[in-house]
Each structure stands twice: as structure tokens, then as C-alpha cells.
Amino acid sequence: MNPFEMVVAIVAITAIASVIRAKYGVVRRHKGEDVIQRGSDPEAERLRAEVKQLKERVAVLERLATDSSTALEREFEKLKHND
């Protein structure tokens, strides 16, 4: 292995190690390395709540669309006659 290949290998290993450290939240400090717990992102929490709400609404709409009860049919008939 010539010196150029060795330098390229060292740089590649260092880059891969830094990507792995970033993925797992390891931060280098003066006295070693610490793992930092990533806090919940407020935007992500808001989006999760919105998705949950939309799923609940879709479930209600699916239930209304597939409900074959006579009460629902009567409501549709009332709406037709009110026009």
C-alpha cells in the first residue's frame, strides 16, 4: 500500500466514523465522548398530532360512507327534499 492509498483509507474511515457518531448522537467533548439524547422536535410533535386527528376524521368518514343503516338513508332523503 503506497502512502496515497493509506491517506485515502484514513480519510474514508474518519468520514464513516463521523457519520456513525452523528447518527447515534455522540458528541465529542474535551474529556471523551458523551451521548446526547435528542429532544422531541416541536414541529414533529405537531405533525404527529395532526396526522392522528386526520386519521380519526377519515375513520369517521369511512364509517359514514359504509354505514347502510336506515337512519343515514333518512338523512339523505331529508337533504334531497329540502332543496
N, C-alpha and C. Protein backbone atom coordinates (compact mmCIF):
# COMPACT_ATOMS: atom_id res chain seq x y z
N MET A 1 0.85 -1.17 0.00
CA MET A 1 0.00 0.00 0.00
C MET A 1 0.90 1.23 0.00
N ASN A 2 0.68 2.08 -0.97
CA ASN A 2 1.51 3.29 -1.04
C ASN A 2 0.94 4.37 -0.12
N PRO A 3 1.69 5.41 0.13
CA PRO A 3 1.25 6.45 1.08
C PRO A 3 -0.06 7.13 0.67
N PHE A 4 -0.29 7.32 -0.64
CA PHE A 4 -1.52 7.96 -1.09
C PHE A 4 -2.74 7.11 -0.73
N GLU A 5 -2.66 5.81 -0.96
CA GLU A 5 -3.76 4.91 -0.62
C GLU A 5 -4.02 4.90 0.88
N MET A 6 -2.96 4.98 1.66
CA MET A 6 -3.10 4.99 3.11
C MET A 6 -3.83 6.25 3.57
N VAL A 7 -3.50 7.40 2.99
CA VAL A 7 -4.16 8.65 3.35
C VAL A 7 -5.64 8.59 2.97
N VAL A 8 -5.93 8.06 1.80
CA VAL A 8 -7.33 7.95 1.37
C VAL A 8 -8.09 7.02 2.30
N ALA A 9 -7.50 5.91 2.72
CA ALA A 9 -8.16 4.98 3.63
C ALA A 9 -8.42 5.64 4.98
N ILE A 10 -7.46 6.39 5.50
CA ILE A 10 -7.64 7.07 6.78
C ILE A 10 -8.76 8.10 6.70
N VAL A 11 -8.79 8.86 5.62
CA VAL A 11 -9.84 9.87 5.45
C VAL A 11 -11.21 9.19 5.35
N ALA A 12 -11.30 8.08 4.62
CA ALA A 12 -12.57 7.37 4.48
C ALA A 12 -13.03 6.82 5.82
N ILE A 13 -12.14 6.24 6.57
CA ILE A 13 -12.50 5.69 7.89
C ILE A 13 -12.97 6.81 8.82
N THR A 14 -12.29 7.95 8.79
CA THR A 14 -12.68 9.09 9.63
C THR A 14 -14.06 9.62 9.24
N ALA A 15 -14.32 9.70 7.94
CA ALA A 15 -15.62 10.19 7.47
C ALA A 15 -16.73 9.25 7.88
N ILE A 16 -16.52 7.96 7.72
CA ILE A 16 -17.53 6.97 8.10
C ILE A 16 -17.79 7.03 9.59
N ALA A 17 -16.73 7.15 10.39
CA ALA A 17 -16.89 7.22 11.84
C ALA A 17 -17.67 8.46 12.25
N SER A 18 -17.43 9.59 11.60
CA SER A 18 -18.16 10.82 11.97
C SER A 18 -19.63 10.71 11.58
N VAL A 19 -19.94 10.05 10.48
CA VAL A 19 -21.34 9.86 10.10
C VAL A 19 -22.05 8.96 11.11
N ILE A 20 -21.39 7.90 11.54
CA ILE A 20 -21.98 7.00 12.53
C ILE A 20 -22.18 7.72 13.86
N ARG A 21 -21.20 8.52 14.27
CA ARG A 21 -21.34 9.29 15.51
C ARG A 21 -22.51 10.26 15.43
N ALA A 22 -22.67 10.92 14.30
CA ALA A 22 -23.78 11.87 14.14
C ALA A 22 -25.12 11.15 14.16
N LYS A 23 -25.17 9.97 13.58
CA LYS A 23 -26.42 9.21 13.54
C LYS A 23 -26.87 8.82 14.94
N TYR A 24 -25.95 8.42 15.79
CA TYR A 24 -26.29 7.97 17.14
C TYR A 24 -26.23 9.09 18.18
N GLY A 25 -25.95 10.32 17.77
CA GLY A 25 -25.98 11.45 18.69
C GLY A 25 -24.78 11.55 19.61
N VAL A 26 -23.64 11.03 19.21
CA VAL A 26 -22.44 11.11 20.04
C VAL A 26 -21.73 12.42 19.72
N VAL A 27 -21.43 13.18 20.78
CA VAL A 27 -20.77 14.47 20.61
C VAL A 27 -19.40 14.41 21.27
N ARG A 28 -18.41 14.89 20.59
CA ARG A 28 -17.06 14.90 21.17
C ARG A 28 -16.90 16.10 22.09
N ARG A 29 -16.34 15.83 23.25
CA ARG A 29 -16.06 16.89 24.21
C ARG A 29 -14.59 16.79 24.60
N HIS A 30 -14.15 17.68 25.47
CA HIS A 30 -12.75 17.70 25.87
C HIS A 30 -12.35 16.43 26.62
N LYS A 31 -13.24 15.89 27.42
CA LYS A 31 -12.90 14.72 28.22
C LYS A 31 -13.64 13.49 27.74
N GLY A 32 -13.54 13.18 26.49
CA GLY A 32 -14.18 11.98 25.96
C GLY A 32 -15.42 12.30 25.15
N GLU A 33 -16.25 11.29 25.01
CA GLU A 33 -17.45 11.44 24.20
C GLU A 33 -18.69 11.17 25.05
N ASP A 34 -19.72 11.91 24.81
CA ASP A 34 -20.98 11.74 25.51
C ASP A 34 -22.10 11.52 24.50
N VAL A 35 -23.06 10.75 24.90
CA VAL A 35 -24.24 10.54 24.07
C VAL A 35 -25.29 11.54 24.49
N ILE A 36 -25.79 12.29 23.55
CA ILE A 36 -26.80 13.29 23.83
C ILE A 36 -28.15 12.76 23.36
N GLN A 37 -29.11 12.76 24.25
CA GLN A 37 -30.46 12.36 23.88
C GLN A 37 -31.09 13.51 23.10
N ARG A 38 -31.56 13.21 21.96
CA ARG A 38 -32.21 14.24 21.16
C ARG A 38 -33.62 14.46 21.70
N GLY A 39 -33.93 15.70 21.95
CA GLY A 39 -35.26 16.04 22.45
C GLY A 39 -36.29 15.94 21.34
N SER A 40 -37.52 15.94 21.74
CA SER A 40 -38.59 15.86 20.74
C SER A 40 -38.68 17.19 20.01
N ASP A 41 -38.81 17.10 18.74
CA ASP A 41 -38.93 18.28 17.89
C ASP A 41 -40.37 18.77 17.96
N PRO A 42 -40.60 20.04 18.30
CA PRO A 42 -41.97 20.52 18.42
C PRO A 42 -42.73 20.43 17.08
N GLU A 43 -42.04 20.65 15.99
CA GLU A 43 -42.69 20.55 14.68
C GLU A 43 -43.11 19.12 14.40
N ALA A 44 -42.26 18.16 14.75
CA ALA A 44 -42.59 16.75 14.54
C ALA A 44 -43.77 16.34 15.41
N GLU A 45 -43.81 16.82 16.65
CA GLU A 45 -44.93 16.50 17.53
C GLU A 45 -46.23 17.10 17.01
N ARG A 46 -46.16 18.32 16.48
CA ARG A 46 -47.35 18.95 15.92
C ARG A 46 -47.85 18.16 14.71
N LEU A 47 -46.94 17.72 13.87
CA LEU A 47 -47.33 16.94 12.70
C LEU A 47 -47.90 15.59 13.09
N ARG A 48 -47.34 14.96 14.11
CA ARG A 48 -47.89 13.69 14.58
C ARG A 48 -49.32 13.86 15.09
N ALA A 49 -49.55 14.93 15.84
CA ALA A 49 -50.90 15.20 16.35
C ALA A 49 -51.87 15.46 15.20
N GLU A 50 -51.41 16.19 14.19
CA GLU A 50 -52.26 16.48 13.04
C GLU A 50 -52.59 15.21 12.26
N VAL A 51 -51.61 14.35 12.08
CA VAL A 51 -51.85 13.08 11.38
C VAL A 51 -52.83 12.22 12.17
N LYS A 52 -52.70 12.20 13.49
CA LYS A 52 -53.62 11.43 14.31
C LYS A 52 -55.04 11.95 14.17
N GLN A 53 -55.19 13.26 14.18
CA GLN A 53 -56.50 13.87 14.04
C GLN A 53 -57.09 13.56 12.66
N LEU A 54 -56.28 13.64 11.63
CA LEU A 54 -56.77 13.35 10.28
C LEU A 54 -57.16 11.88 10.13
N LYS A 55 -56.42 10.99 10.76
CA LYS A 55 -56.79 9.57 10.72
C LYS A 55 -58.13 9.33 11.39
N GLU A 56 -58.38 10.02 12.51
CA GLU A 56 -59.66 9.88 13.18
C GLU A 56 -60.80 10.39 12.31
N ARG A 57 -60.57 11.51 11.62
CA ARG A 57 -61.59 12.06 10.75
C ARG A 57 -61.88 11.14 9.57
N VAL A 58 -60.83 10.55 9.01
CA VAL A 58 -61.01 9.62 7.90
C VAL A 58 -61.79 8.40 8.36
N ALA A 59 -61.51 7.93 9.57
CA ALA A 59 -62.25 6.78 10.10
C ALA A 59 -63.73 7.09 10.23
N VAL A 60 -64.06 8.30 10.69
CA VAL A 60 -65.46 8.69 10.80
C VAL A 60 -66.10 8.76 9.42
N LEU A 61 -65.39 9.35 8.45
CA LEU A 61 -65.93 9.45 7.10
C LEU A 61 -66.12 8.07 6.47
N GLU A 62 -65.19 7.16 6.72
CA GLU A 62 -65.33 5.80 6.20
C GLU A 62 -66.55 5.12 6.81
N ARG A 63 -66.73 5.34 8.10
CA ARG A 63 -67.88 4.73 8.76
C ARG A 63 -69.18 5.28 8.19
N LEU A 64 -69.23 6.60 7.95
CA LEU A 64 -70.43 7.20 7.37
C LEU A 64 -70.67 6.72 5.94
N ALA A 65 -69.59 6.57 5.18
CA ALA A 65 -69.73 6.15 3.79
C ALA A 65 -70.17 4.70 3.67
N THR A 66 -69.78 3.87 4.60
CA THR A 66 -70.11 2.45 4.51
C THR A 66 -71.30 2.06 5.37
N ASP A 67 -71.83 2.99 6.14
CA ASP A 67 -72.97 2.70 7.01
C ASP A 67 -74.22 2.56 6.16
N SER A 68 -74.89 1.43 6.28
CA SER A 68 -76.10 1.21 5.47
C SER A 68 -77.36 1.25 6.33
N SER A 69 -77.27 1.94 7.43
CA SER A 69 -78.44 1.99 8.32
C SER A 69 -79.53 2.85 7.70
N THR A 70 -80.72 2.64 8.16
CA THR A 70 -81.85 3.40 7.63
C THR A 70 -81.82 4.84 8.10
N ALA A 71 -81.22 5.09 9.24
CA ALA A 71 -81.15 6.47 9.74
C ALA A 71 -80.34 7.34 8.79
N LEU A 72 -79.27 6.80 8.27
CA LEU A 72 -78.44 7.57 7.35
C LEU A 72 -79.20 7.81 6.05
N GLU A 73 -79.91 6.80 5.59
CA GLU A 73 -80.69 6.95 4.37
C GLU A 73 -81.79 7.99 4.56
N ARG A 74 -82.40 8.03 5.72
CA ARG A 74 -83.43 9.03 6.00
C ARG A 74 -82.84 10.44 5.98
N GLU A 75 -81.64 10.57 6.52
CA GLU A 75 -80.98 11.88 6.50
C GLU A 75 -80.71 12.33 5.06
N PHE A 76 -80.28 11.40 4.21
CA PHE A 76 -80.05 11.74 2.81
C PHE A 76 -81.36 12.15 2.14
N GLU A 77 -82.43 11.45 2.44
CA GLU A 77 -83.73 11.79 1.86
C GLU A 77 -84.19 13.17 2.32
N LYS A 78 -83.98 13.50 3.58
CA LYS A 78 -84.33 14.83 4.08
C LYS A 78 -83.56 15.90 3.32
N LEU A 79 -82.28 15.65 3.11
CA LEU A 79 -81.46 16.63 2.39
C LEU A 79 -81.93 16.78 0.95
N LYS A 80 -82.35 15.69 0.33
CA LYS A 80 -82.82 15.77 -1.06
C LYS A 80 -84.12 16.58 -1.14
N HIS A 81 -84.99 16.40 -0.18
CA HIS A 81 -86.29 17.09 -0.21
C HIS A 81 -86.20 18.55 0.21
N ASN A 82 -85.16 18.92 0.89
CA ASN A 82 -85.01 20.31 1.34
C ASN A 82 -84.58 21.23 0.21
N ASP A 83 -84.09 20.69 -0.87
CA ASP A 83 -83.63 21.55 -1.98
C ASP A 83 -84.72 22.19 -2.73
